[in-house]
Amino acid sequence: MTLLRSVSEAEATGKVKEVFEDIKATKEIDFVPKFWQALANNPDHLEATWQKLKVVMKPGKLDGLTKEIIASAVSITNGCTY
């Protein structure tokens, strides 16, 4: 049972569509993950969360791929199904 309605790519307009396109371009993927679709119920929150993530995941002392691997390992360790 779905507890939260998500915004599909087909439904996306305005700010949500812009953020969705940036997510796909930045991550070099051809779909918007469900997590982001769920956040799209509040376009301002979607945009803020995406902008913060881009800053955190930007290459620095660690490259972006290493940061993604660490994030995945932490999620798996914590039993996150996403």
PDB file of N, CA and C in Angstrom:
ATOM      1  N   MET A   1       0.833  -1.165   0.000  1.00  0.00           N
ATOM      2  CA  MET A   1       0.000   0.000   0.000  1.00  0.00           C
ATOM      3  C   MET A   1       0.891   1.246   0.000  1.00  0.00           C
ATOM      4  N   THR A   2       0.603   2.153  -0.903  1.00  0.00           N
ATOM      5  CA  THR A   2       1.358   3.387  -0.994  1.00  0.00           C
ATOM      6  C   THR A   2       0.858   4.381   0.051  1.00  0.00           C
ATOM      7  N   LEU A   3       1.774   4.911   0.819  1.00  0.00           N
ATOM      8  CA  LEU A   3       1.414   5.878   1.848  1.00  0.00           C
ATOM      9  C   LEU A   3       1.533   7.316   1.355  1.00  0.00           C
ATOM     10  N   LEU A   4       2.340   7.524   0.324  1.00  0.00           N
ATOM     11  CA  LEU A   4       2.595   8.864  -0.171  1.00  0.00           C
ATOM     12  C   LEU A   4       2.499   8.875  -1.686  1.00  0.00           C
ATOM     13  N   ARG A   5       1.734   9.789  -2.195  1.00  0.00           N
ATOM     14  CA  ARG A   5       1.622   9.923  -3.637  1.00  0.00           C
ATOM     15  C   ARG A   5       2.915  10.528  -4.167  1.00  0.00           C
ATOM     16  N   SER A   6       3.395  10.016  -5.258  1.00  0.00           N
ATOM     17  CA  SER A   6       4.598  10.570  -5.867  1.00  0.00           C
ATOM     18  C   SER A   6       4.227  11.271  -7.169  1.00  0.00           C
ATOM     19  N   VAL A   7       5.129  12.078  -7.656  1.00  0.00           N
ATOM     20  CA  VAL A   7       4.921  12.811  -8.897  1.00  0.00           C
ATOM     21  C   VAL A   7       5.761  12.123  -9.973  1.00  0.00           C
ATOM     22  N   SER A   8       5.109  11.561 -10.958  1.00  0.00           N
ATOM     23  CA  SER A   8       5.830  10.876 -12.030  1.00  0.00           C
ATOM     24  C   SER A   8       6.487  11.898 -12.953  1.00  0.00           C
ATOM     25  N   GLU A   9       7.412  11.426 -13.758  1.00  0.00           N
ATOM     26  CA  GLU A   9       8.063  12.310 -14.723  1.00  0.00           C
ATOM     27  C   GLU A   9       7.045  12.897 -15.695  1.00  0.00           C
ATOM     28  N   ALA A  10       6.056  12.104 -16.074  1.00  0.00           N
ATOM     29  CA  ALA A  10       5.033  12.563 -17.012  1.00  0.00           C
ATOM     30  C   ALA A  10       4.172  13.679 -16.418  1.00  0.00           C
ATOM     31  N   GLU A  11       3.992  13.662 -15.112  1.00  0.00           N
ATOM     32  CA  GLU A  11       3.176  14.673 -14.430  1.00  0.00           C
ATOM     33  C   GLU A  11       3.963  15.936 -14.085  1.00  0.00           C
ATOM     34  N   ALA A  12       5.271  15.853 -14.110  1.00  0.00           N
ATOM     35  CA  ALA A  12       6.117  16.941 -13.634  1.00  0.00           C
ATOM     36  C   ALA A  12       5.998  18.184 -14.519  1.00  0.00           C
ATOM     37  N   THR A  13       5.870  19.332 -13.855  1.00  0.00           N
ATOM     38  CA  THR A  13       5.843  20.619 -14.542  1.00  0.00           C
ATOM     39  C   THR A  13       6.662  21.621 -13.734  1.00  0.00           C
ATOM     40  N   GLY A  14       6.965  22.736 -14.342  1.00  0.00           N
ATOM     41  CA  GLY A  14       7.635  23.829 -13.647  1.00  0.00           C
ATOM     42  C   GLY A  14       8.920  23.427 -12.946  1.00  0.00           C
ATOM     43  N   LYS A  15       9.028  23.830 -11.682  1.00  0.00           N
ATOM     44  CA  LYS A  15      10.227  23.589 -10.883  1.00  0.00           C
ATOM     45  C   LYS A  15      10.525  22.100 -10.758  1.00  0.00           C
ATOM     46  N   VAL A  16       9.484  21.291 -10.587  1.00  0.00           N
ATOM     47  CA  VAL A  16       9.686  19.848 -10.442  1.00  0.00           C
ATOM     48  C   VAL A  16      10.319  19.275 -11.702  1.00  0.00           C
ATOM     49  N   LYS A  17       9.808  19.670 -12.853  1.00  0.00           N
ATOM     50  CA  LYS A  17      10.362  19.180 -14.122  1.00  0.00           C
ATOM     51  C   LYS A  17      11.822  19.606 -14.270  1.00  0.00           C
ATOM     52  N   GLU A  18      12.128  20.850 -13.894  1.00  0.00           N
ATOM     53  CA  GLU A  18      13.504  21.339 -13.976  1.00  0.00           C
ATOM     54  C   GLU A  18      14.434  20.527 -13.079  1.00  0.00           C
ATOM     55  N   VAL A  19      14.005  20.265 -11.855  1.00  0.00           N
ATOM     56  CA  VAL A  19      14.831  19.485 -10.929  1.00  0.00           C
ATOM     57  C   VAL A  19      14.985  18.057 -11.437  1.00  0.00           C
ATOM     58  N   PHE A  20      13.901  17.465 -11.913  1.00  0.00           N
ATOM     59  CA  PHE A  20      13.974  16.105 -12.458  1.00  0.00           C
ATOM     60  C   PHE A  20      14.993  16.038 -13.599  1.00  0.00           C
ATOM     61  N   GLU A  21      14.973  17.016 -14.488  1.00  0.00           N
ATOM     62  CA  GLU A  21      15.920  17.030 -15.607  1.00  0.00           C
ATOM     63  C   GLU A  21      17.356  17.187 -15.102  1.00  0.00           C
ATOM     64  N   ASP A  22      17.552  17.998 -14.075  1.00  0.00           N
ATOM     65  CA  ASP A  22      18.886  18.174 -13.502  1.00  0.00           C
ATOM     66  C   ASP A  22      19.365  16.892 -12.827  1.00  0.00           C
ATOM     67  N   ILE A  23      18.467  16.197 -12.149  1.00  0.00           N
ATOM     68  CA  ILE A  23      18.825  14.923 -11.515  1.00  0.00           C
ATOM     69  C   ILE A  23      19.318  13.946 -12.570  1.00  0.00           C
ATOM     70  N   LYS A  24      18.556  13.812 -13.642  1.00  0.00           N
ATOM     71  CA  LYS A  24      18.934  12.869 -14.700  1.00  0.00           C
ATOM     72  C   LYS A  24      20.255  13.264 -15.350  1.00  0.00           C
ATOM     73  N   ALA A  25      20.436  14.551 -15.613  1.00  0.00           N
ATOM     74  CA  ALA A  25      21.673  15.007 -16.251  1.00  0.00           C
ATOM     75  C   ALA A  25      22.876  14.843 -15.324  1.00  0.00           C
ATOM     76  N   THR A  26      22.713  15.230 -14.077  1.00  0.00           N
ATOM     77  CA  THR A  26      23.812  15.160 -13.118  1.00  0.00           C
ATOM     78  C   THR A  26      24.233  13.725 -12.837  1.00  0.00           C
ATOM     79  N   LYS A  27      23.245  12.856 -12.666  1.00  0.00           N
ATOM     80  CA  LYS A  27      23.542  11.461 -12.344  1.00  0.00           C
ATOM     81  C   LYS A  27      23.762  10.600 -13.591  1.00  0.00           C
ATOM     82  N   GLU A  28      23.556  11.209 -14.763  1.00  0.00           N
ATOM     83  CA  GLU A  28      23.710  10.509 -16.039  1.00  0.00           C
ATOM     84  C   GLU A  28      22.855   9.249 -16.091  1.00  0.00           C
ATOM     85  N   ILE A  29      21.567   9.431 -15.758  1.00  0.00           N
ATOM     86  CA  ILE A  29      20.591   8.347 -15.799  1.00  0.00           C
ATOM     87  C   ILE A  29      19.398   8.789 -16.642  1.00  0.00           C
ATOM     88  N   ASP A  30      18.581   7.847 -17.072  1.00  0.00           N
ATOM     89  CA  ASP A  30      17.443   8.193 -17.928  1.00  0.00           C
ATOM     90  C   ASP A  30      16.098   8.078 -17.217  1.00  0.00           C
ATOM     91  N   PHE A  31      16.127   8.098 -15.886  1.00  0.00           N
ATOM     92  CA  PHE A  31      14.894   8.028 -15.101  1.00  0.00           C
ATOM     93  C   PHE A  31      15.099   8.802 -13.806  1.00  0.00           C
ATOM     94  N   VAL A  32      13.987   9.154 -13.163  1.00  0.00           N
ATOM     95  CA  VAL A  32      14.056   9.834 -11.869  1.00  0.00           C
ATOM     96  C   VAL A  32      13.738   8.807 -10.791  1.00  0.00           C
ATOM     97  N   PRO A  33      14.661   8.538  -9.875  1.00  0.00           N
ATOM     98  CA  PRO A  33      14.413   7.568  -8.816  1.00  0.00           C
ATOM     99  C   PRO A  33      13.169   7.929  -7.986  1.00  0.00           C
ATOM    100  N   LYS A  34      12.520   6.908  -7.471  1.00  0.00           N
ATOM    101  CA  LYS A  34      11.279   7.079  -6.707  1.00  0.00           C
ATOM    102  C   LYS A  34      11.431   8.029  -5.522  1.00  0.00           C
ATOM    103  N   PHE A  35      12.590   8.035  -4.887  1.00  0.00           N
ATOM    104  CA  PHE A  35      12.835   8.933  -3.763  1.00  0.00           C
ATOM    105  C   PHE A  35      12.542  10.379  -4.154  1.00  0.00           C
ATOM    106  N   TRP A  36      13.078  10.787  -5.310  1.00  0.00           N
ATOM    107  CA  TRP A  36      12.903  12.166  -5.769  1.00  0.00           C
ATOM    108  C   TRP A  36      11.457  12.420  -6.198  1.00  0.00           C
ATOM    109  N   GLN A  37      10.822  11.411  -6.765  1.00  0.00           N
ATOM    110  CA  GLN A  37       9.419  11.559  -7.153  1.00  0.00           C
ATOM    111  C   GLN A  37       8.544  11.780  -5.923  1.00  0.00           C
ATOM    112  N   ALA A  38       8.877  11.135  -4.820  1.00  0.00           N
ATOM    113  CA  ALA A  38       8.112  11.317  -3.582  1.00  0.00           C
ATOM    114  C   ALA A  38       8.324  12.726  -3.025  1.00  0.00           C
ATOM    115  N   LEU A  39       9.546  13.215  -3.063  1.00  0.00           N
ATOM    116  CA  LEU A  39       9.826  14.563  -2.566  1.00  0.00           C
ATOM    117  C   LEU A  39       9.161  15.638  -3.418  1.00  0.00           C
ATOM    118  N   ALA A  40       8.823  15.304  -4.650  1.00  0.00           N
ATOM    119  CA  ALA A  40       8.264  16.288  -5.583  1.00  0.00           C
ATOM    120  C   ALA A  40       6.876  16.775  -5.183  1.00  0.00           C
ATOM    121  N   ASN A  41       6.260  16.156  -4.182  1.00  0.00           N
ATOM    122  CA  ASN A  41       4.980  16.667  -3.677  1.00  0.00           C
ATOM    123  C   ASN A  41       5.133  18.081  -3.144  1.00  0.00           C
ATOM    124  N   ASN A  42       6.340  18.413  -2.715  1.00  0.00           N
ATOM    125  CA  ASN A  42       6.643  19.763  -2.251  1.00  0.00           C
ATOM    126  C   ASN A  42       7.828  20.260  -3.091  1.00  0.00           C
ATOM    127  N   PRO A  43       7.551  20.987  -4.174  1.00  0.00           N
ATOM    128  CA  PRO A  43       8.623  21.398  -5.081  1.00  0.00           C
ATOM    129  C   PRO A  43       9.775  22.150  -4.414  1.00  0.00           C
ATOM    130  N   ASP A  44       9.482  22.993  -3.437  1.00  0.00           N
ATOM    131  CA  ASP A  44      10.557  23.728  -2.758  1.00  0.00           C
ATOM    132  C   ASP A  44      11.460  22.785  -1.971  1.00  0.00           C
ATOM    133  N   HIS A  45      10.853  21.806  -1.309  1.00  0.00           N
ATOM    134  CA  HIS A  45      11.633  20.825  -0.547  1.00  0.00           C
ATOM    135  C   HIS A  45      12.462  19.953  -1.496  1.00  0.00           C
ATOM    136  N   LEU A  46      11.869  19.545  -2.608  1.00  0.00           N
ATOM    137  CA  LEU A  46      12.591  18.775  -3.622  1.00  0.00           C
ATOM    138  C   LEU A  46      13.824  19.541  -4.079  1.00  0.00           C
ATOM    139  N   GLU A  47      13.627  20.789  -4.446  1.00  0.00           N
ATOM    140  CA  GLU A  47      14.726  21.607  -4.951  1.00  0.00           C
ATOM    141  C   GLU A  47      15.815  21.797  -3.893  1.00  0.00           C
ATOM    142  N   ALA A  48      15.426  22.107  -2.660  1.00  0.00           N
ATOM    143  CA  ALA A  48      16.397  22.327  -1.590  1.00  0.00           C
ATOM    144  C   ALA A  48      17.191  21.059  -1.286  1.00  0.00           C
ATOM    145  N   THR A  49      16.508  19.934  -1.215  1.00  0.00           N
ATOM    146  CA  THR A  49      17.175  18.665  -0.920  1.00  0.00           C
ATOM    147  C   THR A  49      18.144  18.295  -2.033  1.00  0.00           C
ATOM    148  N   TRP A  50      17.724  18.479  -3.276  1.00  0.00           N
ATOM    149  CA  TRP A  50      18.583  18.167  -4.418  1.00  0.00           C
ATOM    150  C   TRP A  50      19.823  19.073  -4.419  1.00  0.00           C
ATOM    151  N   GLN A  51      19.629  20.367  -4.174  1.00  0.00           N
ATOM    152  CA  GLN A  51      20.769  21.294  -4.157  1.00  0.00           C
ATOM    153  C   GLN A  51      21.759  20.938  -3.044  1.00  0.00           C
ATOM    154  N   LYS A  52      21.243  20.581  -1.876  1.00  0.00           N
ATOM    155  CA  LYS A  52      22.124  20.190  -0.760  1.00  0.00           C
ATOM    156  C   LYS A  52      22.899  18.928  -1.100  1.00  0.00           C
ATOM    157  N   LEU A  53      22.219  17.958  -1.705  1.00  0.00           N
ATOM    158  CA  LEU A  53      22.892  16.711  -2.066  1.00  0.00           C
ATOM    159  C   LEU A  53      23.997  16.964  -3.083  1.00  0.00           C
ATOM    160  N   LYS A  54      23.732  17.831  -4.041  1.00  0.00           N
ATOM    161  CA  LYS A  54      24.761  18.127  -5.042  1.00  0.00           C
ATOM    162  C   LYS A  54      25.995  18.739  -4.388  1.00  0.00           C
ATOM    163  N   VAL A  55      25.816  19.579  -3.386  1.00  0.00           N
ATOM    164  CA  VAL A  55      26.949  20.190  -2.689  1.00  0.00           C
ATOM    165  C   VAL A  55      27.723  19.122  -1.911  1.00  0.00           C
ATOM    166  N   VAL A  56      27.001  18.280  -1.186  1.00  0.00           N
ATOM    167  CA  VAL A  56      27.641  17.248  -0.369  1.00  0.00           C
ATOM    168  C   VAL A  56      28.389  16.230  -1.238  1.00  0.00           C
ATOM    169  N   MET A  57      27.809  15.868  -2.369  1.00  0.00           N
ATOM    170  CA  MET A  57      28.398  14.817  -3.207  1.00  0.00           C
ATOM    171  C   MET A  57      29.416  15.351  -4.216  1.00  0.00           C
ATOM    172  N   LYS A  58      29.599  16.670  -4.249  1.00  0.00           N
ATOM    173  CA  LYS A  58      30.570  17.254  -5.172  1.00  0.00           C
ATOM    174  C   LYS A  58      31.965  16.741  -4.833  1.00  0.00           C
ATOM    175  N   PRO A  59      32.752  16.402  -5.842  1.00  0.00           N
ATOM    176  CA  PRO A  59      34.107  15.929  -5.561  1.00  0.00           C
ATOM    177  C   PRO A  59      34.894  16.945  -4.741  1.00  0.00           C
ATOM    178  N   GLY A  60      35.626  16.422  -3.794  1.00  0.00           N
ATOM    179  CA  GLY A  60      36.497  17.231  -2.941  1.00  0.00           C
ATOM    180  C   GLY A  60      37.690  16.371  -2.611  1.00  0.00           C
ATOM    181  N   LYS A  61      37.880  16.081  -1.317  1.00  0.00           N
ATOM    182  CA  LYS A  61      38.952  15.160  -0.936  1.00  0.00           C
ATOM    183  C   LYS A  61      38.649  13.755  -1.431  1.00  0.00           C
ATOM    184  N   LEU A  62      37.347  13.463  -1.558  1.00  0.00           N
ATOM    185  CA  LEU A  62      36.913  12.194  -2.151  1.00  0.00           C
ATOM    186  C   LEU A  62      36.178  12.494  -3.447  1.00  0.00           C
ATOM    187  N   ASP A  63      36.349  11.623  -4.439  1.00  0.00           N
ATOM    188  CA  ASP A  63      35.625  11.814  -5.690  1.00  0.00           C
ATOM    189  C   ASP A  63      34.157  11.414  -5.507  1.00  0.00           C
ATOM    190  N   GLY A  64      33.315  11.818  -6.443  1.00  0.00           N
ATOM    191  CA  GLY A  64      31.885  11.558  -6.360  1.00  0.00           C
ATOM    192  C   GLY A  64      31.535  10.082  -6.285  1.00  0.00           C
ATOM    193  N   LEU A  65      32.234   9.243  -7.056  1.00  0.00           N
ATOM    194  CA  LEU A  65      31.950   7.807  -7.044  1.00  0.00           C
ATOM    195  C   LEU A  65      32.228   7.203  -5.673  1.00  0.00           C
ATOM    196  N   THR A  66      33.332   7.588  -5.065  1.00  0.00           N
ATOM    197  CA  THR A  66      33.658   7.076  -3.728  1.00  0.00           C
ATOM    198  C   THR A  66      32.579   7.490  -2.729  1.00  0.00           C
ATOM    199  N   LYS A  67      32.117   8.718  -2.831  1.00  0.00           N
ATOM    200  CA  LYS A  67      31.047   9.179  -1.943  1.00  0.00           C
ATOM    201  C   LYS A  67      29.767   8.367  -2.151  1.00  0.00           C
ATOM    202  N   GLU A  68      29.447   8.057  -3.402  1.00  0.00           N
ATOM    203  CA  GLU A  68      28.259   7.242  -3.701  1.00  0.00           C
ATOM    204  C   GLU A  68      28.407   5.830  -3.111  1.00  0.00           C
ATOM    205  N   ILE A  69      29.591   5.263  -3.226  1.00  0.00           N
ATOM    206  CA  ILE A  69      29.846   3.927  -2.680  1.00  0.00           C
ATOM    207  C   ILE A  69      29.703   3.942  -1.156  1.00  0.00           C
ATOM    208  N   ILE A  70      30.233   4.958  -0.512  1.00  0.00           N
ATOM    209  CA  ILE A  70      30.105   5.071   0.948  1.00  0.00           C
ATOM    210  C   ILE A  70      28.638   5.215   1.337  1.00  0.00           C
ATOM    211  N   ALA A  71      27.900   6.045   0.614  1.00  0.00           N
ATOM    212  CA  ALA A  71      26.475   6.229   0.910  1.00  0.00           C
ATOM    213  C   ALA A  71      25.710   4.913   0.750  1.00  0.00           C
ATOM    214  N   SER A  72      26.041   4.154  -0.276  1.00  0.00           N
ATOM    215  CA  SER A  72      25.391   2.849  -0.483  1.00  0.00           C
ATOM    216  C   SER A  72      25.740   1.881   0.641  1.00  0.00           C
ATOM    217  N   ALA A  73      27.009   1.854   1.034  1.00  0.00           N
ATOM    218  CA  ALA A  73      27.434   0.950   2.105  1.00  0.00           C
ATOM    219  C   ALA A  73      26.738   1.288   3.425  1.00  0.00           C
ATOM    220  N   VAL A  74      26.604   2.561   3.717  1.00  0.00           N
ATOM    221  CA  VAL A  74      25.919   2.979   4.944  1.00  0.00           C
ATOM    222  C   VAL A  74      24.449   2.571   4.887  1.00  0.00           C
ATOM    223  N   SER A  75      23.821   2.768   3.730  1.00  0.00           N
ATOM    224  CA  SER A  75      22.409   2.377   3.585  1.00  0.00           C
ATOM    225  C   SER A  75      22.224   0.876   3.777  1.00  0.00           C
ATOM    226  N   ILE A  76      23.106   0.094   3.192  1.00  0.00           N
ATOM    227  CA  ILE A  76      23.014  -1.370   3.323  1.00  0.00           C
ATOM    228  C   ILE A  76      23.233  -1.772   4.771  1.00  0.00           C
ATOM    229  N   THR A  77      24.237  -1.192   5.410  1.00  0.00           N
ATOM    230  CA  THR A  77      24.514  -1.498   6.811  1.00  0.00           C
ATOM    231  C   THR A  77      23.329  -1.179   7.708  1.00  0.00           C
ATOM    232  N   ASN A  78      22.604  -0.103   7.377  1.00  0.00           N
ATOM    233  CA  ASN A  78      21.447   0.303   8.176  1.00  0.00           C
ATOM    234  C   ASN A  78      20.153  -0.387   7.743  1.00  0.00           C
ATOM    235  N   GLY A  79      20.253  -1.300   6.789  1.00  0.00           N
ATOM    236  CA  GLY A  79      19.066  -2.051   6.372  1.00  0.00           C
ATOM    237  C   GLY A  79      18.089  -1.261   5.516  1.00  0.00           C
ATOM    238  N   CYS A  80      18.558  -0.216   4.862  1.00  0.00           N
ATOM    239  CA  CYS A  80      17.693   0.595   4.011  1.00  0.00           C
ATOM    240  C   CYS A  80      17.360  -0.186   2.746  1.00  0.00           C
ATOM    241  N   THR A  81      16.081  -0.334   2.467  1.00  0.00           N
ATOM    242  CA  THR A  81      15.684  -1.081   1.284  1.00  0.00           C
ATOM    243  C   THR A  81      15.732  -0.242   0.020  1.00  0.00           C
ATOM    244  N   TYR A  82      15.851   1.080   0.165  1.00  0.00           N
ATOM    245  CA  TYR A  82      15.940   1.939  -1.020  1.00  0.00           C
ATOM    246  C   TYR A  82      17.342   1.881  -1.562  1.00  0.00           C
TER     247      TYR A  82
END
